[in-house]
Amino acid sequence: MTSAPRIRRCFGGLRLGTTAVLVCSGLLAGCQKQAMSDQPRYDPLASAATFPDGASARQPVPGTVRRDTDISPTPSDIPQKIDMALLQHGRERFDIFCSPCHGLSGDGQGMIVQRGFPSPPTYHQDALLQVSNRHIYDVITRGYGVMYSYADRVPPADRWAIVAYVRALQLSQHARLAELPTAVREKIEGSATQ
């Protein structure tokens, strides 16, 4: 009677040992090096007999939209009503994002420029007085020259507010006396005669 439990224990240990060997061999089989660089592939622009045109480079599927394409239509002019609230919001955004390079007055002499960064053009030069509002919006969106894109930092509505404020800055330096309201014109003319 004593030999039966001993035999069971022996076979139980054998089963456990066999199971352990099978598990370890399965784990070791999965540890071989993957040679993905050795798999069959086409080199860029190589010829390929697989395709009827003989080229490995495939044309994009019709209707494919480039990743950097803006699919939302962008208006050509400021879509919001230009009022004092929009100008104040534009000034706030301008002071945060634009003034470090362009300066608070738009003269291109911001704090970063004073520390050696290349000076951007002043907003008050004739060339920038003639550009469209959409051009200013696009420069904020995509960048220009050493200016990088602000599309990921400034939402579209804020970009248009900045455009409105830039136009107000330009007007502040190039306003004609005849364009001013009567009360302001009289105040200026009165102070000029004194």
N, C-alpha and C. Protein backbone atom coordinates (compact mmCIF):
# COMPACT_ATOMS: atom_id res chain seq x y z
N MET A 1 0.80 -1.20 0.00
CA MET A 1 0.00 0.00 0.00
C MET A 1 0.84 1.26 0.00
N THR A 2 1.94 1.15 0.57
CA THR A 2 2.79 2.32 0.63
C THR A 2 3.44 2.62 -0.71
N SER A 3 3.53 1.65 -1.60
CA SER A 3 4.17 1.89 -2.89
C SER A 3 3.26 2.66 -3.85
N ALA A 4 1.93 2.56 -3.75
CA ALA A 4 1.01 3.26 -4.66
C ALA A 4 1.11 4.78 -4.51
N PRO A 5 1.10 5.36 -3.31
CA PRO A 5 1.27 6.82 -3.23
C PRO A 5 2.63 7.27 -3.71
N ARG A 6 3.65 6.40 -3.50
CA ARG A 6 4.98 6.76 -3.95
C ARG A 6 5.01 6.81 -5.49
N ILE A 7 4.33 5.89 -6.14
CA ILE A 7 4.27 5.87 -7.61
C ILE A 7 3.50 7.08 -8.12
N ARG A 8 2.37 7.38 -7.45
CA ARG A 8 1.60 8.57 -7.85
C ARG A 8 2.43 9.83 -7.71
N ARG A 9 3.17 9.92 -6.63
CA ARG A 9 4.02 11.09 -6.44
C ARG A 9 5.08 11.15 -7.53
N CYS A 10 5.61 10.07 -7.91
CA CYS A 10 6.64 10.03 -8.94
C CYS A 10 6.07 10.48 -10.29
N PHE A 11 4.88 9.93 -10.66
CA PHE A 11 4.25 10.34 -11.93
C PHE A 11 3.76 11.79 -11.87
N GLY A 12 3.31 12.23 -10.71
CA GLY A 12 2.90 13.63 -10.56
C GLY A 12 4.07 14.56 -10.78
N GLY A 13 5.22 14.20 -10.25
CA GLY A 13 6.44 14.99 -10.46
C GLY A 13 6.87 14.95 -11.91
N LEU A 14 6.67 13.80 -12.55
CA LEU A 14 7.02 13.66 -13.96
C LEU A 14 6.13 14.56 -14.83
N ARG A 15 4.83 14.58 -14.52
CA ARG A 15 3.90 15.45 -15.25
C ARG A 15 4.26 16.92 -15.06
N LEU A 16 4.59 17.29 -13.86
CA LEU A 16 4.97 18.67 -13.58
C LEU A 16 6.26 19.02 -14.32
N GLY A 17 7.22 18.12 -14.33
CA GLY A 17 8.48 18.35 -15.04
C GLY A 17 8.26 18.46 -16.55
N THR A 18 7.40 17.60 -17.10
CA THR A 18 7.09 17.64 -18.53
C THR A 18 6.41 18.94 -18.90
N THR A 19 5.47 19.35 -18.07
CA THR A 19 4.77 20.61 -18.32
C THR A 19 5.74 21.78 -18.28
N ALA A 20 6.65 21.77 -17.33
CA ALA A 20 7.63 22.86 -17.21
C ALA A 20 8.54 22.90 -18.43
N VAL A 21 8.97 21.74 -18.92
CA VAL A 21 9.83 21.69 -20.10
C VAL A 21 9.09 22.21 -21.32
N LEU A 22 7.83 21.82 -21.50
CA LEU A 22 7.03 22.29 -22.64
C LEU A 22 6.82 23.81 -22.60
N VAL A 23 6.50 24.33 -21.42
CA VAL A 23 6.30 25.78 -21.28
C VAL A 23 7.59 26.52 -21.58
N CYS A 24 8.70 26.06 -21.05
CA CYS A 24 9.99 26.74 -21.29
C CYS A 24 10.39 26.67 -22.75
N SER A 25 10.18 25.53 -23.39
CA SER A 25 10.55 25.44 -24.81
C SER A 25 9.65 26.34 -25.66
N GLY A 26 8.38 26.47 -25.28
CA GLY A 26 7.49 27.40 -26.00
C GLY A 26 7.93 28.85 -25.83
N LEU A 27 8.34 29.21 -24.62
CA LEU A 27 8.83 30.57 -24.38
C LEU A 27 10.12 30.84 -25.13
N LEU A 28 11.02 29.88 -25.14
CA LEU A 28 12.29 30.06 -25.84
C LEU A 28 12.09 30.14 -27.35
N ALA A 29 11.10 29.45 -27.87
CA ALA A 29 10.84 29.49 -29.31
C ALA A 29 10.40 30.89 -29.74
N GLY A 30 9.75 31.62 -28.86
CA GLY A 30 9.31 32.98 -29.17
C GLY A 30 10.39 34.02 -29.00
N CYS A 31 11.56 33.64 -28.56
CA CYS A 31 12.63 34.60 -28.30
C CYS A 31 13.64 34.71 -29.43
N GLN A 32 13.31 34.23 -30.59
CA GLN A 32 14.27 34.37 -31.69
C GLN A 32 14.23 35.78 -32.26
N LYS A 33 15.32 36.19 -32.86
CA LYS A 33 15.45 37.55 -33.40
C LYS A 33 14.52 37.72 -34.61
N GLN A 34 13.78 38.82 -34.63
CA GLN A 34 12.95 39.13 -35.78
C GLN A 34 13.79 39.90 -36.78
N ALA A 35 13.87 39.41 -37.98
CA ALA A 35 14.66 40.06 -39.01
C ALA A 35 13.72 40.74 -40.01
N MET A 36 13.04 41.80 -39.55
CA MET A 36 12.09 42.49 -40.43
C MET A 36 12.79 43.17 -41.59
N SER A 37 14.07 43.48 -41.43
CA SER A 37 14.80 44.11 -42.53
C SER A 37 15.09 43.12 -43.66
N ASP A 38 14.95 41.83 -43.37
CA ASP A 38 15.19 40.81 -44.39
C ASP A 38 13.92 40.38 -45.11
N GLN A 39 12.79 40.93 -44.76
CA GLN A 39 11.54 40.52 -45.39
C GLN A 39 11.44 41.05 -46.82
N PRO A 40 10.65 40.41 -47.65
CA PRO A 40 10.50 40.91 -49.02
C PRO A 40 9.83 42.28 -49.03
N ARG A 41 10.40 43.21 -49.76
CA ARG A 41 9.86 44.56 -49.85
C ARG A 41 10.37 45.20 -51.13
N TYR A 42 9.77 46.35 -51.47
CA TYR A 42 10.22 47.13 -52.62
C TYR A 42 11.01 48.33 -52.12
N ASP A 43 12.12 48.61 -52.76
CA ASP A 43 12.84 49.84 -52.48
C ASP A 43 12.06 50.99 -53.10
N PRO A 44 12.21 52.22 -52.57
CA PRO A 44 11.47 53.36 -53.14
C PRO A 44 11.76 53.54 -54.62
N LEU A 45 10.71 53.69 -55.39
CA LEU A 45 10.75 53.93 -56.84
C LEU A 45 11.43 52.81 -57.62
N ALA A 46 11.47 51.60 -57.05
CA ALA A 46 12.03 50.45 -57.77
C ALA A 46 10.99 49.90 -58.73
N SER A 47 11.44 49.15 -59.72
CA SER A 47 10.49 48.53 -60.65
C SER A 47 9.88 47.31 -59.97
N ALA A 48 8.65 46.99 -60.37
CA ALA A 48 7.94 45.87 -59.77
C ALA A 48 7.12 45.17 -60.85
N ALA A 49 7.38 43.90 -61.02
CA ALA A 49 6.63 43.13 -62.02
C ALA A 49 5.22 42.82 -61.53
N THR A 50 4.97 43.01 -60.25
CA THR A 50 3.67 42.71 -59.67
C THR A 50 2.57 43.61 -60.22
N PHE A 51 2.90 44.86 -60.50
CA PHE A 51 1.90 45.83 -60.93
C PHE A 51 1.96 46.04 -62.44
N PRO A 52 0.81 46.30 -63.06
CA PRO A 52 0.77 46.43 -64.53
C PRO A 52 1.65 47.56 -65.07
N ASP A 53 1.80 48.65 -64.32
CA ASP A 53 2.62 49.76 -64.83
C ASP A 53 4.11 49.55 -64.55
N GLY A 54 4.47 48.49 -63.84
CA GLY A 54 5.86 48.16 -63.60
C GLY A 54 6.54 48.98 -62.53
N ALA A 55 5.81 49.82 -61.81
CA ALA A 55 6.40 50.68 -60.78
C ALA A 55 5.92 50.25 -59.40
N SER A 56 6.83 50.27 -58.43
CA SER A 56 6.44 49.91 -57.06
C SER A 56 5.74 51.06 -56.35
N ALA A 57 6.02 52.29 -56.76
CA ALA A 57 5.38 53.46 -56.14
C ALA A 57 3.95 53.55 -56.66
N ARG A 58 3.01 53.62 -55.78
CA ARG A 58 1.60 53.64 -56.16
C ARG A 58 1.05 55.06 -56.08
N GLN A 59 0.10 55.36 -56.93
CA GLN A 59 -0.58 56.66 -56.89
C GLN A 59 -1.54 56.67 -55.71
N PRO A 60 -1.76 57.83 -55.08
CA PRO A 60 -2.74 57.88 -53.99
C PRO A 60 -4.13 57.52 -54.49
N VAL A 61 -4.92 56.97 -53.62
CA VAL A 61 -6.29 56.62 -53.94
C VAL A 61 -7.04 57.90 -54.30
N PRO A 62 -7.89 57.89 -55.33
CA PRO A 62 -8.65 59.10 -55.67
C PRO A 62 -9.44 59.61 -54.46
N GLY A 63 -9.38 60.92 -54.25
CA GLY A 63 -10.07 61.53 -53.11
C GLY A 63 -9.20 61.63 -51.87
N THR A 64 -7.95 61.19 -51.95
CA THR A 64 -7.05 61.28 -50.81
C THR A 64 -6.77 62.74 -50.48
N VAL A 65 -6.82 63.09 -49.21
CA VAL A 65 -6.57 64.45 -48.76
C VAL A 65 -5.21 64.46 -48.07
N ARG A 66 -4.34 65.38 -48.50
CA ARG A 66 -3.03 65.48 -47.86
C ARG A 66 -3.19 65.77 -46.38
N ARG A 67 -2.26 65.29 -45.60
CA ARG A 67 -2.34 65.47 -44.15
C ARG A 67 -2.31 66.93 -43.74
N ASP A 68 -1.54 67.76 -44.43
CA ASP A 68 -1.41 69.16 -44.04
C ASP A 68 -2.43 70.07 -44.71
N THR A 69 -3.41 69.50 -45.40
CA THR A 69 -4.41 70.30 -46.09
C THR A 69 -5.48 70.76 -45.11
N ASP A 70 -5.79 72.04 -45.16
CA ASP A 70 -6.86 72.58 -44.33
C ASP A 70 -8.16 72.37 -45.07
N ILE A 71 -9.00 71.46 -44.57
CA ILE A 71 -10.22 71.12 -45.29
C ILE A 71 -11.38 72.06 -44.96
N SER A 72 -11.22 72.86 -43.93
CA SER A 72 -12.28 73.82 -43.61
C SER A 72 -12.05 75.09 -44.44
N PRO A 73 -13.10 75.60 -45.05
CA PRO A 73 -12.91 76.81 -45.85
C PRO A 73 -12.56 78.00 -44.96
N THR A 74 -11.55 78.73 -45.35
CA THR A 74 -11.12 79.91 -44.60
C THR A 74 -11.62 81.14 -45.32
N PRO A 75 -12.30 82.03 -44.61
CA PRO A 75 -12.79 83.24 -45.27
C PRO A 75 -11.63 84.11 -45.75
N SER A 76 -11.90 84.93 -46.74
CA SER A 76 -10.85 85.79 -47.28
C SER A 76 -10.72 87.09 -46.49
N ASP A 77 -11.67 87.38 -45.62
CA ASP A 77 -11.60 88.59 -44.81
C ASP A 77 -12.07 88.28 -43.40
N ILE A 78 -11.94 89.23 -42.51
CA ILE A 78 -12.27 89.03 -41.10
C ILE A 78 -13.75 88.66 -40.98
N PRO A 79 -14.07 87.45 -40.49
CA PRO A 79 -15.46 87.01 -40.47
C PRO A 79 -16.29 87.61 -39.33
N GLN A 80 -15.64 88.10 -38.28
CA GLN A 80 -16.38 88.67 -37.16
C GLN A 80 -16.65 90.16 -37.40
N LYS A 81 -17.63 90.66 -36.68
CA LYS A 81 -17.89 92.10 -36.70
C LYS A 81 -16.75 92.77 -35.93
N ILE A 82 -16.16 93.78 -36.54
CA ILE A 82 -15.04 94.47 -35.88
C ILE A 82 -15.61 95.49 -34.91
N ASP A 83 -15.43 95.21 -33.63
CA ASP A 83 -15.87 96.12 -32.59
C ASP A 83 -14.76 96.21 -31.53
N MET A 84 -15.01 96.96 -30.51
CA MET A 84 -13.99 97.18 -29.48
C MET A 84 -13.62 95.88 -28.77
N ALA A 85 -14.60 95.00 -28.54
CA ALA A 85 -14.31 93.73 -27.86
C ALA A 85 -13.36 92.88 -28.70
N LEU A 86 -13.57 92.83 -30.01
CA LEU A 86 -12.69 92.06 -30.89
C LEU A 86 -11.28 92.66 -30.89
N LEU A 87 -11.19 93.98 -30.95
CA LEU A 87 -9.87 94.63 -30.95
C LEU A 87 -9.14 94.41 -29.63
N GLN A 88 -9.87 94.45 -28.52
CA GLN A 88 -9.23 94.20 -27.22
C GLN A 88 -8.75 92.75 -27.11
N HIS A 89 -9.56 91.84 -27.63
CA HIS A 89 -9.15 90.43 -27.63
C HIS A 89 -7.93 90.24 -28.54
N GLY A 90 -7.96 90.88 -29.69
CA GLY A 90 -6.82 90.81 -30.61
C GLY A 90 -5.56 91.39 -29.99
N ARG A 91 -5.71 92.49 -29.25
CA ARG A 91 -4.55 93.08 -28.58
C ARG A 91 -3.98 92.14 -27.54
N GLU A 92 -4.86 91.51 -26.77
CA GLU A 92 -4.41 90.56 -25.75
C GLU A 92 -3.63 89.41 -26.40
N ARG A 93 -4.17 88.83 -27.46
CA ARG A 93 -3.49 87.73 -28.17
C ARG A 93 -2.19 88.22 -28.82
N PHE A 94 -2.22 89.42 -29.40
CA PHE A 94 -1.03 90.00 -30.03
C PHE A 94 0.08 90.17 -28.99
N ASP A 95 -0.29 90.73 -27.83
CA ASP A 95 0.70 90.95 -26.77
C ASP A 95 1.33 89.64 -26.31
N ILE A 96 0.55 88.57 -26.31
CA ILE A 96 1.06 87.27 -25.85
C ILE A 96 1.94 86.62 -26.92
N PHE A 97 1.42 86.51 -28.14
CA PHE A 97 2.09 85.70 -29.16
C PHE A 97 2.97 86.49 -30.12
N CYS A 98 2.66 87.74 -30.38
CA CYS A 98 3.35 88.48 -31.45
C CYS A 98 4.35 89.50 -30.94
N SER A 99 4.04 90.15 -29.83
CA SER A 99 4.88 91.26 -29.38
C SER A 99 6.31 90.86 -29.00
N PRO A 100 6.59 89.62 -28.58
CA PRO A 100 8.00 89.31 -28.30
C PRO A 100 8.92 89.58 -29.48
N CYS A 101 8.44 89.40 -30.70
CA CYS A 101 9.25 89.69 -31.88
C CYS A 101 8.85 91.02 -32.53
N HIS A 102 7.55 91.23 -32.71
CA HIS A 102 7.07 92.39 -33.47
C HIS A 102 6.99 93.67 -32.64
N GLY A 103 7.12 93.58 -31.32
CA GLY A 103 7.03 94.76 -30.47
C GLY A 103 5.58 95.13 -30.21
N LEU A 104 5.34 95.85 -29.13
CA LEU A 104 3.97 96.23 -28.77
C LEU A 104 3.33 97.16 -29.79
N SER A 105 4.13 97.95 -30.49
CA SER A 105 3.56 98.88 -31.48
C SER A 105 3.65 98.33 -32.90
N GLY A 106 4.17 97.10 -33.07
CA GLY A 106 4.27 96.52 -34.40
C GLY A 106 5.45 97.02 -35.20
N ASP A 107 6.43 97.61 -34.53
CA ASP A 107 7.59 98.19 -35.24
C ASP A 107 8.71 97.18 -35.50
N GLY A 108 8.53 95.92 -35.05
CA GLY A 108 9.54 94.90 -35.29
C GLY A 108 10.70 94.95 -34.32
N GLN A 109 10.54 95.64 -33.21
CA GLN A 109 11.62 95.78 -32.22
C GLN A 109 11.21 95.18 -30.88
N GLY A 110 10.72 93.95 -30.90
CA GLY A 110 10.30 93.29 -29.67
C GLY A 110 11.48 92.90 -28.80
N MET A 111 11.18 92.35 -27.65
CA MET A 111 12.20 92.00 -26.66
C MET A 111 13.18 90.97 -27.21
N ILE A 112 12.71 90.00 -27.98
CA ILE A 112 13.60 88.98 -28.53
C ILE A 112 14.55 89.60 -29.54
N VAL A 113 14.07 90.55 -30.32
CA VAL A 113 14.91 91.24 -31.30
C VAL A 113 16.00 92.02 -30.58
N GLN A 114 15.67 92.62 -29.45
CA GLN A 114 16.65 93.37 -28.68
C GLN A 114 17.74 92.47 -28.10
N ARG A 115 17.49 91.17 -28.09
CA ARG A 115 18.47 90.21 -27.59
C ARG A 115 19.19 89.48 -28.72
N GLY A 116 19.03 89.96 -29.98
CA GLY A 116 19.82 89.42 -31.07
C GLY A 116 19.09 88.61 -32.12
N PHE A 117 17.80 88.35 -31.94
CA PHE A 117 17.04 87.60 -32.94
C PHE A 117 16.80 88.49 -34.16
N PRO A 118 16.76 87.94 -35.37
CA PRO A 118 16.53 88.78 -36.55
C PRO A 118 15.22 89.57 -36.45
N SER A 119 15.27 90.81 -36.87
CA SER A 119 14.13 91.71 -36.76
C SER A 119 13.09 91.42 -37.85
N PRO A 120 11.82 91.23 -37.45
CA PRO A 120 10.78 91.09 -38.47
C PRO A 120 10.48 92.46 -39.07
N PRO A 121 9.83 92.49 -40.22
CA PRO A 121 9.50 93.79 -40.81
C PRO A 121 8.47 94.53 -39.95
N THR A 122 8.54 95.84 -39.99
CA THR A 122 7.55 96.64 -39.27
C THR A 122 6.21 96.56 -40.00
N TYR A 123 5.14 96.53 -39.24
CA TYR A 123 3.80 96.51 -39.84
C TYR A 123 3.47 97.83 -40.53
N HIS A 124 4.28 98.85 -40.28
CA HIS A 124 3.96 100.19 -40.78
C HIS A 124 4.63 100.51 -42.11
N GLN A 125 5.34 99.57 -42.70
CA GLN A 125 5.94 99.82 -44.02
C GLN A 125 4.88 99.65 -45.10
N ASP A 126 5.08 100.33 -46.22
CA ASP A 126 4.09 100.36 -47.29
C ASP A 126 3.72 98.97 -47.79
N ALA A 127 4.70 98.08 -47.90
CA ALA A 127 4.42 96.74 -48.43
C ALA A 127 3.40 96.00 -47.57
N LEU A 128 3.51 96.12 -46.25
CA LEU A 128 2.58 95.42 -45.37
C LEU A 128 1.26 96.17 -45.19
N LEU A 129 1.25 97.44 -45.52
CA LEU A 129 -0.03 98.17 -45.50
C LEU A 129 -0.91 97.71 -46.66
N GLN A 130 -0.28 97.20 -47.73
CA GLN A 130 -1.01 96.82 -48.93
C GLN A 130 -1.48 95.36 -48.93
N VAL A 131 -0.93 94.51 -48.06
CA VAL A 131 -1.31 93.09 -48.10
C VAL A 131 -2.74 92.91 -47.62
N SER A 132 -3.35 91.80 -48.04
CA SER A 132 -4.73 91.51 -47.65
C SER A 132 -4.78 90.98 -46.21
N ASN A 133 -5.96 91.04 -45.64
CA ASN A 133 -6.15 90.48 -44.30
C ASN A 133 -5.88 88.98 -44.31
N ARG A 134 -6.26 88.33 -45.40
CA ARG A 134 -6.02 86.89 -45.53
C ARG A 134 -4.52 86.58 -45.51
N HIS A 135 -3.71 87.45 -46.11
CA HIS A 135 -2.25 87.23 -46.10
C HIS A 135 -1.71 87.23 -44.67
N ILE A 136 -2.14 88.19 -43.87
CA ILE A 136 -1.69 88.25 -42.48
C ILE A 136 -2.15 87.00 -41.73
N TYR A 137 -3.39 86.59 -41.96
CA TYR A 137 -3.93 85.37 -41.35
C TYR A 137 -3.09 84.16 -41.75
N ASP A 138 -2.76 84.06 -43.04
CA ASP A 138 -1.97 82.92 -43.53
C ASP A 138 -0.56 82.91 -42.95
N VAL A 139 0.03 84.08 -42.76
CA VAL A 139 1.37 84.14 -42.15
C VAL A 139 1.30 83.66 -40.70
N ILE A 140 0.27 84.03 -39.98
CA ILE A 140 0.11 83.53 -38.61
C ILE A 140 -0.08 82.02 -38.63
N THR A 141 -0.84 81.53 -39.59
CA THR A 141 -1.15 80.11 -39.67
C THR A 141 0.05 79.27 -40.09
N ARG A 142 0.76 79.70 -41.13
CA ARG A 142 1.82 78.87 -41.72
C ARG A 142 3.23 79.35 -41.42
N GLY A 143 3.38 80.56 -40.91
CA GLY A 143 4.70 81.12 -40.69
C GLY A 143 5.24 81.73 -41.97
N TYR A 144 6.38 82.44 -41.83
CA TYR A 144 7.00 83.08 -42.99
C TYR A 144 8.43 83.43 -42.62
N GLY A 145 9.38 83.05 -43.46
CA GLY A 145 10.79 83.32 -43.14
C GLY A 145 11.20 82.61 -41.87
N VAL A 146 11.74 83.34 -40.90
CA VAL A 146 12.15 82.72 -39.64
C VAL A 146 10.99 82.56 -38.66
N MET A 147 9.84 83.13 -39.00
CA MET A 147 8.66 82.99 -38.14
C MET A 147 8.04 81.62 -38.38
N TYR A 148 7.87 80.86 -37.31
CA TYR A 148 7.25 79.55 -37.45
C TYR A 148 5.73 79.66 -37.34
N SER A 149 5.06 78.57 -37.66
CA SER A 149 3.60 78.53 -37.65
C SER A 149 3.06 78.66 -36.23
N TYR A 150 1.98 79.40 -36.10
CA TYR A 150 1.27 79.51 -34.83
C TYR A 150 -0.07 78.79 -34.89
N ALA A 151 -0.29 77.96 -35.90
CA ALA A 151 -1.58 77.28 -36.07
C ALA A 151 -1.92 76.39 -34.89
N ASP A 152 -0.92 75.79 -34.26
CA ASP A 152 -1.20 74.92 -33.13
C ASP A 152 -1.35 75.67 -31.81
N ARG A 153 -1.02 76.95 -31.79
CA ARG A 153 -1.10 77.74 -30.55
C ARG A 153 -2.25 78.74 -30.56
N VAL A 154 -2.58 79.25 -31.75
CA VAL A 154 -3.59 80.31 -31.84
C VAL A 154 -4.77 79.80 -32.67
N PRO A 155 -5.95 79.66 -32.07
CA PRO A 155 -7.11 79.19 -32.82
C PRO A 155 -7.51 80.19 -33.92
N PRO A 156 -8.23 79.73 -34.95
CA PRO A 156 -8.59 80.61 -36.07
C PRO A 156 -9.30 81.91 -35.65
N ALA A 157 -10.23 81.84 -34.72
CA ALA A 157 -10.94 83.07 -34.30
C ALA A 157 -9.96 84.07 -33.69
N ASP A 158 -9.00 83.58 -32.93
CA ASP A 158 -7.99 84.47 -32.34
C ASP A 158 -7.06 85.04 -33.40
N ARG A 159 -6.77 84.25 -34.45
CA ARG A 159 -5.93 84.76 -35.54
C ARG A 159 -6.62 85.94 -36.22
N TRP A 160 -7.93 85.82 -36.45
CA TRP A 160 -8.66 86.93 -37.08
C TRP A 160 -8.70 88.14 -36.15
N ALA A 161 -8.80 87.92 -34.84
CA ALA A 161 -8.76 89.04 -33.90
C ALA A 161 -7.40 89.73 -33.95
N ILE A 162 -6.33 88.95 -34.08
CA ILE A 162 -4.99 89.53 -34.20
C ILE A 162 -4.89 90.33 -35.49
N VAL A 163 -5.45 89.81 -36.58
CA VAL A 163 -5.43 90.54 -37.86
C VAL A 163 -6.12 91.89 -37.70
N ALA A 164 -7.29 91.90 -37.03
CA ALA A 164 -8.01 93.16 -36.82
C ALA A 164 -7.16 94.13 -36.00
N TYR A 165 -6.48 93.61 -34.98
CA TYR A 165 -5.65 94.48 -34.15
C TYR A 165 -4.43 95.00 -34.92
N VAL A 166 -3.83 94.16 -35.76
CA VAL A 166 -2.70 94.61 -36.59
C VAL A 166 -3.15 95.75 -37.50
N ARG A 167 -4.34 95.63 -38.07
CA ARG A 167 -4.87 96.71 -38.91
C ARG A 167 -5.09 97.98 -38.09
N ALA A 168 -5.53 97.83 -36.84
CA ALA A 168 -5.69 99.00 -35.97
C ALA A 168 -4.33 99.63 -35.66
N LEU A 169 -3.30 98.80 -35.43
CA LEU A 169 -1.95 99.33 -35.21
C LEU A 169 -1.47 100.10 -36.43
N GLN A 170 -1.71 99.54 -37.61
CA GLN A 170 -1.28 100.22 -38.83
C GLN A 170 -2.02 101.55 -38.99
N LEU A 171 -3.30 101.53 -38.71
CA LEU A 171 -4.09 102.76 -38.83
C LEU A 171 -3.63 103.80 -37.81
N SER A 172 -3.18 103.36 -36.64
CA SER A 172 -2.73 104.31 -35.62
C SER A 172 -1.52 105.12 -36.08
N GLN A 173 -0.74 104.58 -37.00
CA GLN A 173 0.45 105.28 -37.49
C GLN A 173 0.23 105.96 -38.84
N HIS A 174 -0.87 105.65 -39.51
CA HIS A 174 -1.08 106.17 -40.87
C HIS A 174 -2.46 106.78 -41.06
N ALA A 175 -3.11 107.19 -40.00
CA ALA A 175 -4.45 107.78 -40.13
C ALA A 175 -4.34 109.20 -40.70
N ARG A 176 -5.27 109.51 -41.57
CA ARG A 176 -5.34 110.87 -42.11
C ARG A 176 -6.27 111.68 -41.21
N LEU A 177 -5.98 112.95 -41.06
CA LEU A 177 -6.78 113.81 -40.19
C LEU A 177 -8.24 113.83 -40.61
N ALA A 178 -8.49 113.78 -41.91
CA ALA A 178 -9.87 113.83 -42.41
C ALA A 178 -10.65 112.57 -42.06
N GLU A 179 -9.97 111.47 -41.76
CA GLU A 179 -10.64 110.21 -41.44
C GLU A 179 -11.05 110.12 -39.97
N LEU A 180 -10.55 111.00 -39.14
CA LEU A 180 -10.83 110.95 -37.72
C LEU A 180 -12.22 111.51 -37.41
N PRO A 181 -12.84 111.06 -36.32
CA PRO A 181 -14.11 111.65 -35.91
C PRO A 181 -13.94 113.14 -35.61
N THR A 182 -14.99 113.89 -35.78
CA THR A 182 -14.95 115.34 -35.65
C THR A 182 -14.41 115.78 -34.29
N ALA A 183 -14.87 115.16 -33.21
CA ALA A 183 -14.43 115.55 -31.86
C ALA A 183 -12.92 115.33 -31.70
N VAL A 184 -12.42 114.23 -32.21
CA VAL A 184 -10.99 113.94 -32.10
C VAL A 184 -10.20 114.92 -32.97
N ARG A 185 -10.71 115.18 -34.17
CA ARG A 185 -10.03 116.11 -35.09
C ARG A 185 -9.92 117.49 -34.47
N GLU A 186 -11.02 117.99 -33.86
CA GLU A 186 -11.01 119.32 -33.25
C GLU A 186 -10.03 119.36 -32.07
N LYS A 187 -9.96 118.28 -31.30
CA LYS A 187 -9.04 118.22 -30.18
C LYS A 187 -7.59 118.29 -30.67
N ILE A 188 -7.29 117.57 -31.74
CA ILE A 188 -5.93 117.58 -32.30
C ILE A 188 -5.60 118.95 -32.89
N GLU A 189 -6.54 119.51 -33.63
CA GLU A 189 -6.30 120.83 -34.24
C GLU A 189 -6.15 121.89 -33.16
N GLY A 190 -6.92 121.78 -32.07
CA GLY A 190 -6.82 122.73 -30.97
C GLY A 190 -5.48 122.64 -30.26
N SER A 191 -4.98 121.42 -30.07
CA SER A 191 -3.68 121.27 -29.39
C SER A 191 -2.53 121.69 -30.31
N ALA A 192 -2.72 121.61 -31.62
CA ALA A 192 -1.67 122.01 -32.56
C ALA A 192 -1.53 123.53 -32.62
N THR A 193 -2.62 124.27 -32.39
CA THR A 193 -2.56 125.73 -32.46
C THR A 193 -2.02 126.34 -31.18
N GLN A 194 -1.99 125.60 -30.11
CA GLN A 194 -1.54 126.15 -28.82
C GLN A 194 -0.06 126.19 -28.72
